[in-house]
Amino acid sequence: MFDIGFSELLVIAIVALIVIGPERLPKVARTLGHLFGRMQRYVNDVKADITREMELEELRKLQSSVEDAARSIQSSVHREVSETERELNEVAQAALPAPDYPEVAPPEPAPQPTAQPEPQQQLDLALDPNAVPSAPKQQT
């Protein structure tokens, strides 16, 4: 802290011995030691407080940047959801039948054949899942 060498400390001790005297010098040295210790503790506390405040400020900056990023993500997701919902509503509106047009009735089922189909027709009927085979004719 101070640039004081051993020789300078020796000169200060001799001057203090002469000025203060040998009876009071140990008491003064003890008092100065206590004051110096208090000063060091105070300086260390101030350094720790400054360091703590700097770390707290860094954490606040980090928190604000994370909150900004979260808000940005939230707004982009909300915007995308709104856009997708709008597009789906447009598709749904386009898919609905217009109220001015009459509904078309489903086609009538085809009449069932009364004659026995030939073997090729039976094969076609077996392959066609919508085909309904007719009942076999009874011979009399």
C-alpha atoms as a PDB file:
ATOM      1  CA  MET A   1       0.000   0.000   0.000  1.00  0.00           C
ATOM      2  CA  PHE A   2       2.563   2.538   1.105  1.00  0.00           C
ATOM      3  CA  ASP A   3       6.015   2.210  -0.333  1.00  0.00           C
ATOM      4  CA  ILE A   4       7.866   2.096   2.989  1.00  0.00           C
ATOM      5  CA  GLY A   5      11.036   0.062   3.378  1.00  0.00           C
ATOM      6  CA  PHE A   6      12.595  -1.434   6.518  1.00  0.00           C
ATOM      7  CA  SER A   7      14.999   1.476   7.001  1.00  0.00           C
ATOM      8  CA  GLU A   8      12.160   3.986   6.893  1.00  0.00           C
ATOM      9  CA  LEU A   9      10.194   1.945   9.459  1.00  0.00           C
ATOM     10  CA  LEU A  10      13.257   1.917  11.731  1.00  0.00           C
ATOM     11  CA  VAL A  11      13.549   5.733  11.518  1.00  0.00           C
ATOM     12  CA  ILE A  12       9.824   6.117  12.334  1.00  0.00           C
ATOM     13  CA  ALA A  13      10.176   3.758  15.337  1.00  0.00           C
ATOM     14  CA  ILE A  14      13.163   5.698  16.723  1.00  0.00           C
ATOM     15  CA  VAL A  15      11.360   9.041  16.323  1.00  0.00           C
ATOM     16  CA  ALA A  16       8.233   7.581  17.995  1.00  0.00           C
ATOM     17  CA  LEU A  17      10.365   6.259  20.887  1.00  0.00           C
ATOM     18  CA  ILE A  18      11.897   9.657  21.410  1.00  0.00           C
ATOM     19  CA  VAL A  19       8.643  11.660  21.031  1.00  0.00           C
ATOM     20  CA  ILE A  20       6.214   9.344  22.864  1.00  0.00           C
ATOM     21  CA  GLY A  21       8.573   7.841  25.373  1.00  0.00           C
ATOM     22  CA  PRO A  22       9.269   4.246  26.397  1.00  0.00           C
ATOM     23  CA  GLU A  23       6.375   4.051  28.918  1.00  0.00           C
ATOM     24  CA  ARG A  24       3.527   4.935  26.547  1.00  0.00           C
ATOM     25  CA  LEU A  25       5.023   3.462  23.322  1.00  0.00           C
ATOM     26  CA  PRO A  26       3.585  -0.117  23.751  1.00  0.00           C
ATOM     27  CA  LYS A  27       0.089   1.258  24.440  1.00  0.00           C
ATOM     28  CA  VAL A  28       0.245   3.585  21.405  1.00  0.00           C
ATOM     29  CA  ALA A  29       1.569   0.745  19.215  1.00  0.00           C
ATOM     30  CA  ARG A  30      -1.330  -1.495  20.330  1.00  0.00           C
ATOM     31  CA  THR A  31      -3.861   1.255  19.612  1.00  0.00           C
ATOM     32  CA  LEU A  32      -2.333   1.906  16.185  1.00  0.00           C
ATOM     33  CA  GLY A  33      -2.422  -1.835  15.430  1.00  0.00           C
ATOM     34  CA  HIS A  34      -6.139  -1.998  16.344  1.00  0.00           C
ATOM     35  CA  LEU A  35      -6.886   1.077  14.212  1.00  0.00           C
ATOM     36  CA  PHE A  36      -4.880  -0.329  11.321  1.00  0.00           C
ATOM     37  CA  GLY A  37      -6.797  -3.657  11.594  1.00  0.00           C
ATOM     38  CA  ARG A  38     -10.136  -1.841  11.628  1.00  0.00           C
ATOM     39  CA  MET A  39      -9.075   0.174   8.579  1.00  0.00           C
ATOM     40  CA  GLN A  40      -8.115  -3.010   6.716  1.00  0.00           C
ATOM     41  CA  ARG A  41     -11.433  -4.675   7.598  1.00  0.00           C
ATOM     42  CA  TYR A  42     -13.325  -1.571   6.468  1.00  0.00           C
ATOM     43  CA  VAL A  43     -11.413  -1.487   3.152  1.00  0.00           C
ATOM     44  CA  ASN A  44     -12.049  -5.198   2.634  1.00  0.00           C
ATOM     45  CA  ASP A  45     -15.767  -4.729   3.365  1.00  0.00           C
ATOM     46  CA  VAL A  46     -15.955  -1.867   0.878  1.00  0.00           C
ATOM     47  CA  LYS A  47     -14.173  -3.981  -1.751  1.00  0.00           C
ATOM     48  CA  ALA A  48     -16.564  -6.882  -1.115  1.00  0.00           C
ATOM     49  CA  ASP A  49     -19.587  -4.556  -1.387  1.00  0.00           C
ATOM     50  CA  ILE A  50     -18.313  -3.108  -4.640  1.00  0.00           C
ATOM     51  CA  THR A  51     -17.673  -6.595  -6.027  1.00  0.00           C
ATOM     52  CA  ARG A  52     -21.130  -7.740  -4.923  1.00  0.00           C
ATOM     53  CA  GLU A  53     -22.762  -4.714  -6.563  1.00  0.00           C
ATOM     54  CA  MET A  54     -20.853  -5.326  -9.787  1.00  0.00           C
ATOM     55  CA  GLU A  55     -21.980  -8.964  -9.839  1.00  0.00           C
ATOM     56  CA  LEU A  56     -25.533  -7.910  -9.057  1.00  0.00           C
ATOM     57  CA  GLU A  57     -25.464  -5.402 -11.917  1.00  0.00           C
ATOM     58  CA  GLU A  58     -24.185  -8.108 -14.283  1.00  0.00           C
ATOM     59  CA  LEU A  59     -27.003 -10.402 -13.147  1.00  0.00           C
ATOM     60  CA  ARG A  60     -29.547  -7.638 -13.745  1.00  0.00           C
ATOM     61  CA  LYS A  61     -28.200  -7.112 -17.257  1.00  0.00           C
ATOM     62  CA  LEU A  62     -28.354 -10.851 -17.892  1.00  0.00           C
ATOM     63  CA  GLN A  63     -31.901 -11.006 -16.524  1.00  0.00           C
ATOM     64  CA  SER A  64     -33.037  -8.130 -18.720  1.00  0.00           C
ATOM     65  CA  SER A  65     -31.460  -9.697 -21.807  1.00  0.00           C
ATOM     66  CA  VAL A  66     -33.144 -13.039 -21.047  1.00  0.00           C
ATOM     67  CA  GLU A  67     -36.484 -11.292 -20.501  1.00  0.00           C
ATOM     68  CA  ASP A  68     -36.083  -9.432 -23.801  1.00  0.00           C
ATOM     69  CA  ALA A  69     -35.312 -12.691 -25.586  1.00  0.00           C
ATOM     70  CA  ALA A  70     -38.324 -14.360 -23.945  1.00  0.00           C
ATOM     71  CA  ARG A  71     -40.597 -11.485 -24.986  1.00  0.00           C
ATOM     72  CA  SER A  72     -39.245 -11.681 -28.523  1.00  0.00           C
ATOM     73  CA  ILE A  73     -39.871 -15.431 -28.707  1.00  0.00           C
ATOM     74  CA  GLN A  74     -43.329 -15.022 -27.201  1.00  0.00           C
ATOM     75  CA  SER A  75     -44.291 -12.339 -29.701  1.00  0.00           C
ATOM     76  CA  SER A  76     -42.977 -14.337 -32.666  1.00  0.00           C
ATOM     77  CA  VAL A  77     -44.834 -17.468 -31.510  1.00  0.00           C
ATOM     78  CA  HIS A  78     -48.011 -15.441 -30.962  1.00  0.00           C
ATOM     79  CA  ARG A  79     -47.646 -13.875 -34.407  1.00  0.00           C
ATOM     80  CA  GLU A  80     -47.112 -17.280 -36.060  1.00  0.00           C
ATOM     81  CA  VAL A  81     -50.077 -18.815 -34.211  1.00  0.00           C
ATOM     82  CA  SER A  82     -52.307 -15.910 -35.235  1.00  0.00           C
ATOM     83  CA  GLU A  83     -51.191 -16.181 -38.847  1.00  0.00           C
ATOM     84  CA  THR A  84     -51.740 -19.953 -38.900  1.00  0.00           C
ATOM     85  CA  GLU A  85     -55.159 -19.554 -37.280  1.00  0.00           C
ATOM     86  CA  ARG A  86     -56.104 -16.953 -39.869  1.00  0.00           C
ATOM     87  CA  GLU A  87     -54.990 -19.240 -42.710  1.00  0.00           C
ATOM     88  CA  LEU A  88     -56.942 -22.164 -41.247  1.00  0.00           C
ATOM     89  CA  ASN A  89     -60.050 -20.000 -40.943  1.00  0.00           C
ATOM     90  CA  GLU A  90     -59.676 -18.983 -44.600  1.00  0.00           C
ATOM     91  CA  VAL A  91     -59.351 -22.637 -45.663  1.00  0.00           C
ATOM     92  CA  ALA A  92     -62.370 -23.587 -43.526  1.00  0.00           C
ATOM     93  CA  GLN A  93     -64.443 -20.790 -45.038  1.00  0.00           C
ATOM     94  CA  ALA A  94     -63.448 -21.905 -48.536  1.00  0.00           C
ATOM     95  CA  ALA A  95     -64.371 -25.520 -47.737  1.00  0.00           C
ATOM     96  CA  LEU A  96     -67.884 -24.711 -46.479  1.00  0.00           C
ATOM     97  CA  PRO A  97     -70.656 -25.103 -49.091  1.00  0.00           C
ATOM     98  CA  ALA A  98     -72.225 -21.893 -50.251  1.00  0.00           C
ATOM     99  CA  PRO A  99     -75.726 -21.394 -48.779  1.00  0.00           C
ATOM    100  CA  ASP A 100     -77.197 -20.404 -52.196  1.00  0.00           C
ATOM    101  CA  TYR A 101     -76.574 -23.779 -53.778  1.00  0.00           C
ATOM    102  CA  PRO A 102     -78.963 -26.685 -53.148  1.00  0.00           C
ATOM    103  CA  GLU A 103     -77.392 -29.781 -51.732  1.00  0.00           C
ATOM    104  CA  VAL A 104     -76.845 -32.611 -54.160  1.00  0.00           C
ATOM    105  CA  ALA A 105     -78.546 -35.868 -53.206  1.00  0.00           C
ATOM    106  CA  PRO A 106     -76.351 -38.950 -53.128  1.00  0.00           C
ATOM    107  CA  PRO A 107     -76.699 -41.163 -56.202  1.00  0.00           C
ATOM    108  CA  GLU A 108     -79.231 -43.986 -56.132  1.00  0.00           C
ATOM    109  CA  PRO A 109     -77.742 -47.448 -55.673  1.00  0.00           C
ATOM    110  CA  ALA A 110     -77.428 -49.438 -58.861  1.00  0.00           C
ATOM    111  CA  PRO A 111     -80.052 -52.182 -59.386  1.00  0.00           C
ATOM    112  CA  GLN A 112     -78.757 -55.613 -58.562  1.00  0.00           C
ATOM    113  CA  PRO A 113     -78.422 -58.039 -61.429  1.00  0.00           C
ATOM    114  CA  THR A 114     -80.724 -61.016 -61.326  1.00  0.00           C
ATOM    115  CA  ALA A 115     -78.707 -63.257 -63.594  1.00  0.00           C
ATOM    116  CA  GLN A 116     -75.728 -65.325 -62.435  1.00  0.00           C
ATOM    117  CA  PRO A 117     -72.558 -63.487 -63.394  1.00  0.00           C
ATOM    118  CA  GLU A 118     -70.064 -65.197 -65.574  1.00  0.00           C
ATOM    119  CA  PRO A 119     -66.760 -66.342 -64.018  1.00  0.00           C
ATOM    120  CA  GLN A 120     -64.920 -63.210 -65.198  1.00  0.00           C
ATOM    121  CA  GLN A 121     -67.626 -61.027 -63.659  1.00  0.00           C
ATOM    122  CA  GLN A 122     -67.373 -63.012 -60.424  1.00  0.00           C
ATOM    123  CA  LEU A 123     -63.640 -62.282 -60.355  1.00  0.00           C
ATOM    124  CA  ASP A 124     -64.307 -58.593 -60.924  1.00  0.00           C
ATOM    125  CA  LEU A 125     -66.895 -58.614 -58.146  1.00  0.00           C
ATOM    126  CA  ALA A 126     -64.431 -60.294 -55.796  1.00  0.00           C
ATOM    127  CA  LEU A 127     -61.858 -57.586 -56.463  1.00  0.00           C
ATOM    128  CA  ASP A 128     -64.312 -54.703 -56.212  1.00  0.00           C
ATOM    129  CA  PRO A 129     -65.033 -53.969 -52.522  1.00  0.00           C
ATOM    130  CA  ASN A 130     -68.164 -51.940 -53.390  1.00  0.00           C
ATOM    131  CA  ALA A 131     -69.732 -54.656 -55.512  1.00  0.00           C
ATOM    132  CA  VAL A 132     -72.569 -56.686 -54.023  1.00  0.00           C
ATOM    133  CA  PRO A 133     -72.990 -60.185 -55.503  1.00  0.00           C
ATOM    134  CA  SER A 134     -76.466 -61.332 -56.336  1.00  0.00           C
ATOM    135  CA  ALA A 135     -78.096 -64.412 -54.841  1.00  0.00           C
ATOM    136  CA  PRO A 136     -77.731 -67.579 -56.925  1.00  0.00           C
ATOM    137  CA  LYS A 137     -80.698 -68.698 -58.968  1.00  0.00           C
ATOM    138  CA  GLN A 138     -82.515 -71.825 -57.903  1.00  0.00           C
ATOM    139  CA  GLN A 139     -83.118 -74.336 -60.640  1.00  0.00           C
ATOM    140  CA  THR A 140     -86.533 -75.998 -60.851  1.00  0.00           C
END
